[in-house]
């Protein structure tokens, strides 16, 4: 089944997509440097979003021709990264309470976010280079060559590693947030 030329994405629409993605990335990085307001629902929601959004592109690789055996290293990278990030991200994040509205904020762990975003951008770039503009129609493609499979496998591994890092960091953020809200941990007050 082929799409009509009207349904095919143009190079300009792909560039607009990447520009929008880069803008969103820049906003998130800026917020991570300034401080992010924490809530239980927001932390859980972002964790689910990052997992599903990144997981969508990783799973798309298997429809594009990557052998299913690569699920194993992807799962291992995800789990190991989540455990490592959970253990060590606590050293990189700082919490405080806002003096104006008593909301809890945190800062730190930007490198983890950058790894996720780097993996996502690399994965999208490989998709575009291998399949072309039709990659963003999200239709099943034909078999791909071995070098493309290697490109997908490597970028999928980086992306799943980034997803795992974010999951571990967000679990730590949620745990610390709950401790602060339950009065088991105190934080400084800032403007």
C-alpha atoms as a PDB file:
ATOM      1  CA  UNK A   1       0.000   0.000   0.000  1.00  0.00           C
ATOM      2  CA  UNK A   2       1.413   3.370  -0.926  1.00  0.00           C
ATOM      3  CA  UNK A   3       0.440   6.786   0.211  1.00  0.00           C
ATOM      4  CA  UNK A   4      -0.633   9.429  -2.216  1.00  0.00           C
ATOM      5  CA  UNK A   5       1.797  12.261  -2.796  1.00  0.00           C
ATOM      6  CA  UNK A   6      -0.457  14.507  -0.713  1.00  0.00           C
ATOM      7  CA  UNK A   7      -0.013  12.194   2.291  1.00  0.00           C
ATOM      8  CA  UNK A   8       3.796  11.989   1.955  1.00  0.00           C
ATOM      9  CA  UNK A   9       5.630  14.327   4.306  1.00  0.00           C
ATOM     10  CA  UNK A  10       7.794  16.933   2.651  1.00  0.00           C
ATOM     11  CA  UNK A  11      11.331  17.797   3.662  1.00  0.00           C
ATOM     12  CA  UNK A  12      10.077  21.109   5.015  1.00  0.00           C
ATOM     13  CA  UNK A  13       7.514  19.390   7.259  1.00  0.00           C
ATOM     14  CA  UNK A  14      10.276  17.111   8.581  1.00  0.00           C
ATOM     15  CA  UNK A  15      12.443  20.165   9.278  1.00  0.00           C
ATOM     16  CA  UNK A  16       9.535  21.836  11.070  1.00  0.00           C
ATOM     17  CA  UNK A  17       9.094  18.681  13.165  1.00  0.00           C
ATOM     18  CA  UNK A  18      12.796  18.679  14.103  1.00  0.00           C
ATOM     19  CA  UNK A  19      12.720  22.434  14.828  1.00  0.00           C
ATOM     20  CA  UNK A  20       9.725  21.933  17.127  1.00  0.00           C
ATOM     21  CA  UNK A  21      11.450  19.014  18.815  1.00  0.00           C
ATOM     22  CA  UNK A  22      14.616  21.082  19.338  1.00  0.00           C
ATOM     23  CA  UNK A  23      12.531  23.956  20.757  1.00  0.00           C
ATOM     24  CA  UNK A  24      10.820  21.631  23.227  1.00  0.00           C
ATOM     25  CA  UNK A  25      14.207  20.181  24.153  1.00  0.00           C
ATOM     26  CA  UNK A  26      15.646  23.657  24.733  1.00  0.00           C
ATOM     27  CA  UNK A  27      12.711  24.636  26.960  1.00  0.00           C
ATOM     28  CA  UNK A  28      13.041  21.460  29.047  1.00  0.00           C
ATOM     29  CA  UNK A  29      16.793  21.941  29.435  1.00  0.00           C
ATOM     30  CA  UNK A  30      16.288  25.569  30.467  1.00  0.00           C
ATOM     31  CA  UNK A  31      13.701  24.525  33.054  1.00  0.00           C
ATOM     32  CA  UNK A  32      16.022  21.823  34.359  1.00  0.00           C
ATOM     33  CA  UNK A  33      18.759  24.417  34.878  1.00  0.00           C
ATOM     34  CA  UNK A  34      16.419  26.897  36.629  1.00  0.00           C
ATOM     35  CA  UNK A  35      14.444  24.391  38.655  1.00  0.00           C
ATOM     36  CA  UNK A  36      11.414  22.206  38.071  1.00  0.00           C
ATOM     37  CA  UNK A  37       8.309  22.202  40.236  1.00  0.00           C
ATOM     38  CA  UNK A  38       7.711  18.731  41.639  1.00  0.00           C
ATOM     39  CA  UNK A  39       4.434  16.959  42.164  1.00  0.00           C
ATOM     40  CA  UNK A  40       3.718  13.278  42.383  1.00  0.00           C
ATOM     41  CA  UNK A  41       1.372  13.256  39.385  1.00  0.00           C
ATOM     42  CA  UNK A  42       3.725  15.351  37.238  1.00  0.00           C
ATOM     43  CA  UNK A  43       6.711  13.128  38.026  1.00  0.00           C
ATOM     44  CA  UNK A  44       4.782   9.956  37.250  1.00  0.00           C
ATOM     45  CA  UNK A  45       3.251  11.523  34.138  1.00  0.00           C
ATOM     46  CA  UNK A  46       6.606  12.629  32.725  1.00  0.00           C
ATOM     47  CA  UNK A  47       8.102   9.212  33.446  1.00  0.00           C
ATOM     48  CA  UNK A  48       5.294   7.497  31.549  1.00  0.00           C
ATOM     49  CA  UNK A  49       5.571  10.007  28.686  1.00  0.00           C
ATOM     50  CA  UNK A  50       9.352   9.586  28.307  1.00  0.00           C
ATOM     51  CA  UNK A  51       9.007   5.807  28.409  1.00  0.00           C
ATOM     52  CA  UNK A  52       6.171   5.643  25.876  1.00  0.00           C
ATOM     53  CA  UNK A  53       7.581   8.281  23.516  1.00  0.00           C
ATOM     54  CA  UNK A  54      11.057   6.755  23.424  1.00  0.00           C
ATOM     55  CA  UNK A  55       9.652   3.231  23.474  1.00  0.00           C
ATOM     56  CA  UNK A  56       7.520   4.007  20.437  1.00  0.00           C
ATOM     57  CA  UNK A  57      10.611   4.723  18.339  1.00  0.00           C
ATOM     58  CA  UNK A  58      12.543   1.766  19.731  1.00  0.00           C
ATOM     59  CA  UNK A  59       9.663  -0.604  19.002  1.00  0.00           C
ATOM     60  CA  UNK A  60       9.292   0.876  15.509  1.00  0.00           C
ATOM     61  CA  UNK A  61      12.768  -0.494  14.739  1.00  0.00           C
ATOM     62  CA  UNK A  62      11.471  -4.018  15.017  1.00  0.00           C
ATOM     63  CA  UNK A  63       8.765  -3.259  12.442  1.00  0.00           C
ATOM     64  CA  UNK A  64      11.460  -1.761  10.190  1.00  0.00           C
ATOM     65  CA  UNK A  65      13.431  -5.028  10.137  1.00  0.00           C
ATOM     66  CA  UNK A  66      15.629  -5.101  13.250  1.00  0.00           C
ATOM     67  CA  UNK A  67      15.738  -8.703  14.572  1.00  0.00           C
ATOM     68  CA  UNK A  68      13.797  -9.331  17.784  1.00  0.00           C
ATOM     69  CA  UNK A  69      16.970 -10.590  19.498  1.00  0.00           C
ATOM     70  CA  UNK A  70      17.857  -6.915  20.068  1.00  0.00           C
ATOM     71  CA  UNK A  71      15.010  -6.663  22.579  1.00  0.00           C
ATOM     72  CA  UNK A  72      17.274  -8.387  25.120  1.00  0.00           C
ATOM     73  CA  UNK A  73      20.135  -5.829  25.115  1.00  0.00           C
ATOM     74  CA  UNK A  74      17.618  -2.977  25.003  1.00  0.00           C
ATOM     75  CA  UNK A  75      15.869  -4.355  28.098  1.00  0.00           C
ATOM     76  CA  UNK A  76      19.209  -4.885  29.857  1.00  0.00           C
ATOM     77  CA  UNK A  77      20.299  -1.298  29.082  1.00  0.00           C
ATOM     78  CA  UNK A  78      16.958   0.018  30.336  1.00  0.00           C
ATOM     79  CA  UNK A  79      17.076  -1.892  33.617  1.00  0.00           C
ATOM     80  CA  UNK A  80      20.765  -1.258  34.356  1.00  0.00           C
ATOM     81  CA  UNK A  81      20.434   2.444  33.576  1.00  0.00           C
ATOM     82  CA  UNK A  82      17.350   2.779  35.791  1.00  0.00           C
ATOM     83  CA  UNK A  83      19.076   1.051  38.726  1.00  0.00           C
ATOM     84  CA  UNK A  84      22.277   3.061  38.303  1.00  0.00           C
ATOM     85  CA  UNK A  85      20.405   6.345  37.931  1.00  0.00           C
ATOM     86  CA  UNK A  86      18.221   5.632  40.957  1.00  0.00           C
ATOM     87  CA  UNK A  87      21.276   4.965  43.090  1.00  0.00           C
ATOM     88  CA  UNK A  88      23.436   7.866  41.967  1.00  0.00           C
ATOM     89  CA  UNK A  89      21.116  10.653  40.842  1.00  0.00           C
ATOM     90  CA  UNK A  90      20.480  11.597  44.455  1.00  0.00           C
ATOM     91  CA  UNK A  91      23.958  13.150  44.509  1.00  0.00           C
ATOM     92  CA  UNK A  92      23.088  15.401  41.572  1.00  0.00           C
ATOM     93  CA  UNK A  93      19.675  16.758  42.528  1.00  0.00           C
ATOM     94  CA  UNK A  94      18.856  19.503  44.992  1.00  0.00           C
ATOM     95  CA  UNK A  95      15.404  20.194  46.408  1.00  0.00           C
ATOM     96  CA  UNK A  96      13.988  23.375  47.916  1.00  0.00           C
ATOM     97  CA  UNK A  97      10.668  24.910  48.870  1.00  0.00           C
ATOM     98  CA  UNK A  98       9.484  28.121  47.219  1.00  0.00           C
ATOM     99  CA  UNK A  99       8.952  30.993  49.652  1.00  0.00           C
ATOM    100  CA  UNK A 100       6.083  32.375  47.553  1.00  0.00           C
ATOM    101  CA  UNK A 101       3.783  29.368  47.202  1.00  0.00           C
ATOM    102  CA  UNK A 102       5.475  26.589  49.263  1.00  0.00           C
ATOM    103  CA  UNK A 103       5.839  24.396  46.171  1.00  0.00           C
ATOM    104  CA  UNK A 104       8.696  21.916  46.052  1.00  0.00           C
ATOM    105  CA  UNK A 105      11.290  22.400  43.300  1.00  0.00           C
ATOM    106  CA  UNK A 106      14.373  20.498  42.260  1.00  0.00           C
ATOM    107  CA  UNK A 107      17.357  21.129  40.064  1.00  0.00           C
ATOM    108  CA  UNK A 108      19.942  18.734  38.657  1.00  0.00           C
ATOM    109  CA  UNK A 109      20.267  15.577  36.670  1.00  0.00           C
ATOM    110  CA  UNK A 110      20.465  17.525  33.412  1.00  0.00           C
ATOM    111  CA  UNK A 111      23.051  15.136  31.953  1.00  0.00           C
ATOM    112  CA  UNK A 112      20.541  12.302  32.277  1.00  0.00           C
ATOM    113  CA  UNK A 113      17.994  14.316  30.338  1.00  0.00           C
ATOM    114  CA  UNK A 114      20.575  15.210  27.677  1.00  0.00           C
ATOM    115  CA  UNK A 115      21.473  11.530  27.172  1.00  0.00           C
ATOM    116  CA  UNK A 116      17.799  10.704  26.619  1.00  0.00           C
ATOM    117  CA  UNK A 117      17.387  13.577  24.194  1.00  0.00           C
ATOM    118  CA  UNK A 118      20.619  12.758  22.374  1.00  0.00           C
ATOM    119  CA  UNK A 119      19.453   9.175  21.919  1.00  0.00           C
ATOM    120  CA  UNK A 120      16.065  10.339  20.691  1.00  0.00           C
ATOM    121  CA  UNK A 121      17.496  12.797  18.175  1.00  0.00           C
ATOM    122  CA  UNK A 122      20.047  10.222  16.963  1.00  0.00           C
ATOM    123  CA  UNK A 123      17.290   7.632  16.584  1.00  0.00           C
ATOM    124  CA  UNK A 124      15.100  10.022  14.592  1.00  0.00           C
ATOM    125  CA  UNK A 125      18.053  11.041  12.418  1.00  0.00           C
ATOM    126  CA  UNK A 126      18.871   7.409  11.590  1.00  0.00           C
ATOM    127  CA  UNK A 127      15.202   6.794  10.795  1.00  0.00           C
ATOM    128  CA  UNK A 128      15.200   9.743   8.409  1.00  0.00           C
ATOM    129  CA  UNK A 129      18.520   8.801   6.773  1.00  0.00           C
ATOM    130  CA  UNK A 130      17.599   5.142   6.265  1.00  0.00           C
ATOM    131  CA  UNK A 131      13.933   5.375   5.336  1.00  0.00           C
ATOM    132  CA  UNK A 132      13.650   8.998   4.238  1.00  0.00           C
ATOM    133  CA  UNK A 133      10.720  11.381   4.682  1.00  0.00           C
ATOM    134  CA  UNK A 134       8.252   8.486   4.576  1.00  0.00           C
ATOM    135  CA  UNK A 135       9.691   7.364   7.943  1.00  0.00           C
ATOM    136  CA  UNK A 136       7.404   9.872   9.611  1.00  0.00           C
ATOM    137  CA  UNK A 137       4.254   8.427   8.055  1.00  0.00           C
ATOM    138  CA  UNK A 138       4.692   5.589  10.557  1.00  0.00           C
ATOM    139  CA  UNK A 139       3.843   2.911   8.022  1.00  0.00           C
ATOM    140  CA  UNK A 140       5.574  -0.425   7.791  1.00  0.00           C
ATOM    141  CA  UNK A 141       8.643  -0.273   5.607  1.00  0.00           C
ATOM    142  CA  UNK A 142      10.408  -2.910   3.599  1.00  0.00           C
ATOM    143  CA  UNK A 143      13.467  -4.825   4.772  1.00  0.00           C
ATOM    144  CA  UNK A 144      16.508  -2.712   5.566  1.00  0.00           C
ATOM    145  CA  UNK A 145      20.176  -3.458   4.982  1.00  0.00           C
ATOM    146  CA  UNK A 146      22.600  -4.718   7.677  1.00  0.00           C
ATOM    147  CA  UNK A 147      24.277  -1.326   8.199  1.00  0.00           C
ATOM    148  CA  UNK A 148      20.857   0.252   8.781  1.00  0.00           C
ATOM    149  CA  UNK A 149      20.058  -2.496  11.292  1.00  0.00           C
ATOM    150  CA  UNK A 150      23.310  -1.667  13.098  1.00  0.00           C
ATOM    151  CA  UNK A 151      22.388   2.041  13.095  1.00  0.00           C
ATOM    152  CA  UNK A 152      18.962   1.310  14.519  1.00  0.00           C
ATOM    153  CA  UNK A 153      20.389  -1.086  17.119  1.00  0.00           C
ATOM    154  CA  UNK A 154      23.011   1.394  18.352  1.00  0.00           C
ATOM    155  CA  UNK A 155      20.662   4.362  18.539  1.00  0.00           C
ATOM    156  CA  UNK A 156      17.969   2.212  20.151  1.00  0.00           C
ATOM    157  CA  UNK A 157      20.493   1.140  22.798  1.00  0.00           C
ATOM    158  CA  UNK A 158      21.409   4.776  23.499  1.00  0.00           C
ATOM    159  CA  UNK A 159      17.748   5.746  23.653  1.00  0.00           C
ATOM    160  CA  UNK A 160      16.785   2.871  25.965  1.00  0.00           C
ATOM    161  CA  UNK A 161      19.763   3.733  28.172  1.00  0.00           C
ATOM    162  CA  UNK A 162      18.464   7.317  28.329  1.00  0.00           C
ATOM    163  CA  UNK A 163      14.937   6.119  29.090  1.00  0.00           C
ATOM    164  CA  UNK A 164      16.296   3.987  31.923  1.00  0.00           C
ATOM    165  CA  UNK A 165      18.293   6.916  33.302  1.00  0.00           C
ATOM    166  CA  UNK A 166      15.187   9.105  33.324  1.00  0.00           C
ATOM    167  CA  UNK A 167      13.089   6.400  34.949  1.00  0.00           C
ATOM    168  CA  UNK A 168      15.652   5.924  37.721  1.00  0.00           C
ATOM    169  CA  UNK A 169      16.055   9.661  38.271  1.00  0.00           C
ATOM    170  CA  UNK A 170      12.306  10.239  38.345  1.00  0.00           C
ATOM    171  CA  UNK A 171      11.761   7.399  40.802  1.00  0.00           C
ATOM    172  CA  UNK A 172      14.392   9.019  43.048  1.00  0.00           C
ATOM    173  CA  UNK A 173      12.761  12.451  42.612  1.00  0.00           C
ATOM    174  CA  UNK A 174       9.369  10.980  43.495  1.00  0.00           C
ATOM    175  CA  UNK A 175      10.754   9.187  46.543  1.00  0.00           C
ATOM    176  CA  UNK A 176      12.483  12.339  47.812  1.00  0.00           C
ATOM    177  CA  UNK A 177       9.359  14.405  47.114  1.00  0.00           C
ATOM    178  CA  UNK A 178       7.247  11.988  49.164  1.00  0.00           C
ATOM    179  CA  UNK A 179       9.772  12.156  52.020  1.00  0.00           C
ATOM    180  CA  UNK A 180       9.638  15.967  51.970  1.00  0.00           C
ATOM    181  CA  UNK A 181       5.829  15.995  51.887  1.00  0.00           C
ATOM    182  CA  UNK A 182       5.658  13.447  54.720  1.00  0.00           C
ATOM    183  CA  UNK A 183       8.018  15.553  56.857  1.00  0.00           C
ATOM    184  CA  UNK A 184      10.811  12.961  56.851  1.00  0.00           C
ATOM    185  CA  UNK A 185      13.168  15.295  55.033  1.00  0.00           C
ATOM    186  CA  UNK A 186      13.589  19.041  55.333  1.00  0.00           C
ATOM    187  CA  UNK A 187      14.589  21.393  52.547  1.00  0.00           C
ATOM    188  CA  UNK A 188      15.716  24.983  52.405  1.00  0.00           C
ATOM    189  CA  UNK A 189      13.408  27.816  51.415  1.00  0.00           C
ATOM    190  CA  UNK A 190      14.255  29.955  48.355  1.00  0.00           C
ATOM    191  CA  UNK A 191      12.675  32.807  46.435  1.00  0.00           C
END
